[in-house]
């Protein structure tokens, strides 16, 4: 996913944030000039619905707040349980 985006946009990607996933997850993926891209999957605010359950997905509702500073990167992450 990150590698395809890097090739498409022709620029390194430090963080790729994917919303409305059924569980929170952080993945190191896609080599860039400065290192690796961090793919952050965010949980769904509404949790799971009947369709998600029928597909075998689970997860609690949640969100994520991050502080990212230019020249430094990610300062802190605040997982929010709903």
N, C-alpha and C. Protein backbone atom coordinates (compact mmCIF):
# COMPACT_ATOMS: atom_id res chain seq x y z
N UNK A 1 0.82 -1.18 0.00
CA UNK A 1 0.00 0.00 0.00
C UNK A 1 0.87 1.26 0.00
N UNK A 2 1.82 1.35 0.92
CA UNK A 2 2.69 2.52 0.99
C UNK A 2 3.61 2.59 -0.22
N UNK A 3 4.14 1.45 -0.63
CA UNK A 3 5.05 1.41 -1.78
C UNK A 3 4.35 1.91 -3.04
N UNK A 4 3.11 1.51 -3.23
CA UNK A 4 2.34 1.95 -4.41
C UNK A 4 2.12 3.46 -4.37
N UNK A 5 1.83 4.01 -3.20
CA UNK A 5 1.62 5.45 -3.08
C UNK A 5 2.92 6.21 -3.33
N UNK A 6 4.03 5.69 -2.85
CA UNK A 6 5.33 6.33 -3.09
C UNK A 6 5.63 6.36 -4.58
N UNK A 7 5.39 5.25 -5.27
CA UNK A 7 5.62 5.21 -6.72
C UNK A 7 4.67 6.14 -7.46
N UNK A 8 3.42 6.20 -7.04
CA UNK A 8 2.43 7.03 -7.72
C UNK A 8 2.74 8.52 -7.57
N UNK A 9 3.10 8.95 -6.36
CA UNK A 9 3.32 10.37 -6.10
C UNK A 9 4.77 10.80 -6.28
N UNK A 10 5.69 9.84 -6.39
CA UNK A 10 7.09 10.17 -6.62
C UNK A 10 7.74 10.90 -5.47
N UNK A 11 7.26 10.68 -4.26
CA UNK A 11 7.81 11.36 -3.09
C UNK A 11 7.78 10.39 -1.90
N UNK A 12 8.74 10.54 -0.98
CA UNK A 12 8.72 9.67 0.19
C UNK A 12 7.51 9.98 1.08
N UNK A 13 7.00 8.98 1.76
CA UNK A 13 5.87 9.13 2.66
C UNK A 13 6.33 8.65 4.03
N UNK A 14 6.27 9.54 5.02
CA UNK A 14 6.68 9.17 6.38
C UNK A 14 5.57 8.43 7.11
N UNK A 15 4.34 8.96 7.02
CA UNK A 15 3.20 8.35 7.70
C UNK A 15 2.05 8.20 6.72
N UNK A 16 1.45 7.05 6.70
CA UNK A 16 0.23 6.82 5.92
C UNK A 16 -0.83 6.41 6.93
N UNK A 17 -1.90 7.20 7.00
CA UNK A 17 -2.95 6.95 7.99
C UNK A 17 -4.20 6.47 7.27
N UNK A 18 -4.66 5.29 7.65
CA UNK A 18 -5.84 4.67 7.04
C UNK A 18 -6.95 4.64 8.08
N UNK A 19 -8.05 5.30 7.79
CA UNK A 19 -9.15 5.37 8.74
C UNK A 19 -10.19 4.30 8.50
N UNK A 20 -11.08 4.19 9.46
CA UNK A 20 -12.23 3.29 9.45
C UNK A 20 -11.82 1.83 9.24
N UNK A 21 -10.84 1.40 9.99
CA UNK A 21 -10.45 0.00 10.00
C UNK A 21 -11.08 -0.63 11.24
N UNK A 22 -11.11 -1.93 11.29
CA UNK A 22 -11.81 -2.58 12.39
C UNK A 22 -10.93 -2.85 13.59
N UNK A 23 -9.66 -2.58 13.48
CA UNK A 23 -8.80 -2.67 14.65
C UNK A 23 -7.62 -1.74 14.46
N UNK A 24 -7.08 -1.31 15.58
CA UNK A 24 -5.93 -0.40 15.54
C UNK A 24 -4.68 -1.22 15.27
N UNK A 25 -3.81 -0.70 14.39
CA UNK A 25 -2.60 -1.44 14.06
C UNK A 25 -1.58 -0.46 13.48
N UNK A 26 -0.31 -0.72 13.74
CA UNK A 26 0.77 0.08 13.17
C UNK A 26 1.73 -0.86 12.47
N UNK A 27 2.04 -0.56 11.20
CA UNK A 27 2.85 -1.45 10.37
C UNK A 27 4.01 -0.65 9.78
N UNK A 28 5.21 -1.21 9.80
CA UNK A 28 6.35 -0.60 9.11
C UNK A 28 6.36 -1.17 7.70
N UNK A 29 6.34 -0.28 6.69
CA UNK A 29 6.20 -0.75 5.31
C UNK A 29 6.83 0.24 4.35
N UNK A 30 7.28 -0.22 3.21
CA UNK A 30 7.71 0.65 2.12
C UNK A 30 8.97 1.42 2.41
N UNK A 31 10.06 1.07 1.79
CA UNK A 31 11.34 1.74 2.00
C UNK A 31 11.35 3.11 1.33
N UNK A 32 11.76 4.14 2.06
CA UNK A 32 11.92 5.49 1.52
C UNK A 32 13.37 5.92 1.68
N UNK A 33 13.70 7.08 1.17
CA UNK A 33 15.08 7.58 1.30
C UNK A 33 15.49 7.77 2.75
N UNK A 34 14.54 8.20 3.59
CA UNK A 34 14.84 8.49 4.99
C UNK A 34 14.59 7.31 5.92
N UNK A 35 14.11 6.21 5.41
CA UNK A 35 13.79 5.07 6.25
C UNK A 35 12.54 4.39 5.76
N UNK A 36 11.72 3.96 6.68
CA UNK A 36 10.51 3.23 6.34
C UNK A 36 9.27 4.11 6.52
N UNK A 37 8.24 3.80 5.77
CA UNK A 37 6.95 4.43 5.95
C UNK A 37 6.23 3.72 7.08
N UNK A 38 5.59 4.48 7.95
CA UNK A 38 4.78 3.91 9.02
C UNK A 38 3.33 3.99 8.58
N UNK A 39 2.69 2.83 8.46
CA UNK A 39 1.28 2.76 8.10
C UNK A 39 0.50 2.59 9.40
N UNK A 40 -0.39 3.54 9.67
CA UNK A 40 -1.18 3.51 10.89
C UNK A 40 -2.63 3.26 10.52
N UNK A 41 -3.16 2.14 10.99
CA UNK A 41 -4.56 1.80 10.75
C UNK A 41 -5.36 2.21 11.98
N UNK A 42 -6.36 3.05 11.76
CA UNK A 42 -7.17 3.55 12.86
C UNK A 42 -8.43 2.71 13.03
N UNK A 43 -8.89 2.56 14.26
CA UNK A 43 -10.14 1.83 14.47
C UNK A 43 -11.33 2.67 14.00
N UNK A 44 -12.42 2.02 13.79
CA UNK A 44 -13.65 2.70 13.40
C UNK A 44 -14.27 3.37 14.61
N UNK A 45 -14.78 4.58 14.44
CA UNK A 45 -15.44 5.28 15.54
C UNK A 45 -16.68 4.52 16.01
N UNK A 46 -17.35 3.86 15.07
CA UNK A 46 -18.59 3.15 15.43
C UNK A 46 -18.34 1.71 15.84
N UNK A 47 -17.10 1.24 15.82
CA UNK A 47 -16.82 -0.16 16.17
C UNK A 47 -17.19 -1.07 15.02
N UNK A 48 -17.87 -2.15 15.30
CA UNK A 48 -18.29 -3.07 14.25
C UNK A 48 -19.80 -3.03 14.08
N UNK A 49 -20.23 -3.33 12.88
CA UNK A 49 -21.66 -3.42 12.60
C UNK A 49 -21.98 -4.86 12.21
N UNK A 50 -23.23 -5.11 11.86
CA UNK A 50 -23.67 -6.48 11.53
C UNK A 50 -22.88 -7.05 10.36
N UNK A 51 -22.60 -6.23 9.34
CA UNK A 51 -21.84 -6.71 8.19
C UNK A 51 -20.43 -7.11 8.61
N UNK A 52 -19.76 -6.26 9.39
CA UNK A 52 -18.40 -6.57 9.83
C UNK A 52 -18.36 -7.86 10.64
N UNK A 53 -19.33 -8.03 11.52
CA UNK A 53 -19.40 -9.26 12.31
C UNK A 53 -19.60 -10.48 11.42
N UNK A 54 -20.43 -10.34 10.37
CA UNK A 54 -20.67 -11.47 9.46
C UNK A 54 -19.42 -11.84 8.68
N UNK A 55 -18.48 -10.89 8.53
CA UNK A 55 -17.23 -11.14 7.82
C UNK A 55 -16.10 -11.58 8.76
N UNK A 56 -16.42 -11.69 10.05
CA UNK A 56 -15.42 -12.15 11.01
C UNK A 56 -14.55 -11.05 11.59
N UNK A 57 -14.90 -9.78 11.34
CA UNK A 57 -14.13 -8.67 11.91
C UNK A 57 -14.61 -8.39 13.32
N UNK A 58 -13.71 -7.88 14.14
CA UNK A 58 -14.09 -7.43 15.46
C UNK A 58 -13.26 -6.22 15.80
N UNK A 59 -13.58 -5.59 16.87
CA UNK A 59 -12.81 -4.42 17.30
C UNK A 59 -13.71 -3.46 18.06
N UNK A 60 -13.09 -2.78 18.98
CA UNK A 60 -13.81 -1.80 19.77
C UNK A 60 -13.78 -0.45 19.06
N UNK A 61 -14.79 0.37 19.28
CA UNK A 61 -14.77 1.71 18.68
C UNK A 61 -13.62 2.53 19.27
N UNK A 62 -13.04 3.37 18.44
CA UNK A 62 -11.93 4.17 18.92
C UNK A 62 -11.52 5.23 17.92
N UNK A 63 -10.53 6.00 18.29
CA UNK A 63 -9.97 7.05 17.45
C UNK A 63 -8.50 7.22 17.87
N UNK A 64 -7.81 8.14 17.21
CA UNK A 64 -6.40 8.36 17.52
C UNK A 64 -6.08 9.83 17.30
N UNK A 65 -5.39 10.43 18.25
CA UNK A 65 -4.89 11.80 18.10
C UNK A 65 -3.37 11.73 18.10
N UNK A 66 -2.74 12.46 17.17
CA UNK A 66 -1.28 12.46 17.10
C UNK A 66 -0.78 13.89 17.00
N UNK A 67 0.40 14.11 17.56
CA UNK A 67 1.08 15.40 17.42
C UNK A 67 2.29 15.13 16.54
N UNK A 68 2.31 15.77 15.36
CA UNK A 68 3.42 15.62 14.41
C UNK A 68 4.07 16.99 14.22
N UNK A 69 5.37 17.05 14.41
CA UNK A 69 6.08 18.31 14.34
C UNK A 69 7.04 18.30 13.15
N UNK A 70 7.02 19.37 12.36
CA UNK A 70 7.91 19.49 11.20
C UNK A 70 9.36 19.39 11.67
N UNK A 71 10.15 18.61 10.95
CA UNK A 71 11.56 18.45 11.27
C UNK A 71 11.84 17.44 12.37
N UNK A 72 10.81 16.99 13.07
CA UNK A 72 11.00 16.03 14.14
C UNK A 72 10.24 14.74 13.86
N UNK A 73 9.00 14.87 13.42
CA UNK A 73 8.16 13.69 13.19
C UNK A 73 7.11 13.57 14.27
N UNK A 74 6.74 12.36 14.57
CA UNK A 74 5.68 12.12 15.55
C UNK A 74 6.22 12.34 16.96
N UNK A 75 5.60 13.27 17.65
CA UNK A 75 5.97 13.57 19.05
C UNK A 75 5.24 12.64 20.02
N UNK A 76 3.93 12.47 19.82
CA UNK A 76 3.18 11.61 20.74
C UNK A 76 1.89 11.14 20.06
N UNK A 77 1.36 10.06 20.59
CA UNK A 77 0.13 9.44 20.08
C UNK A 77 -0.80 9.22 21.25
N UNK A 78 -2.06 9.56 21.04
CA UNK A 78 -3.06 9.38 22.07
C UNK A 78 -4.17 8.47 21.54
N UNK A 79 -4.15 7.18 21.88
CA UNK A 79 -5.25 6.31 21.49
C UNK A 79 -6.50 6.68 22.31
N UNK A 80 -7.64 6.77 21.65
CA UNK A 80 -8.88 7.15 22.32
C UNK A 80 -9.84 5.97 22.24
N UNK A 81 -10.19 5.43 23.39
CA UNK A 81 -11.14 4.34 23.47
C UNK A 81 -12.54 4.93 23.63
N UNK A 82 -13.46 4.53 22.78
CA UNK A 82 -14.81 5.06 22.85
C UNK A 82 -15.76 4.02 23.41
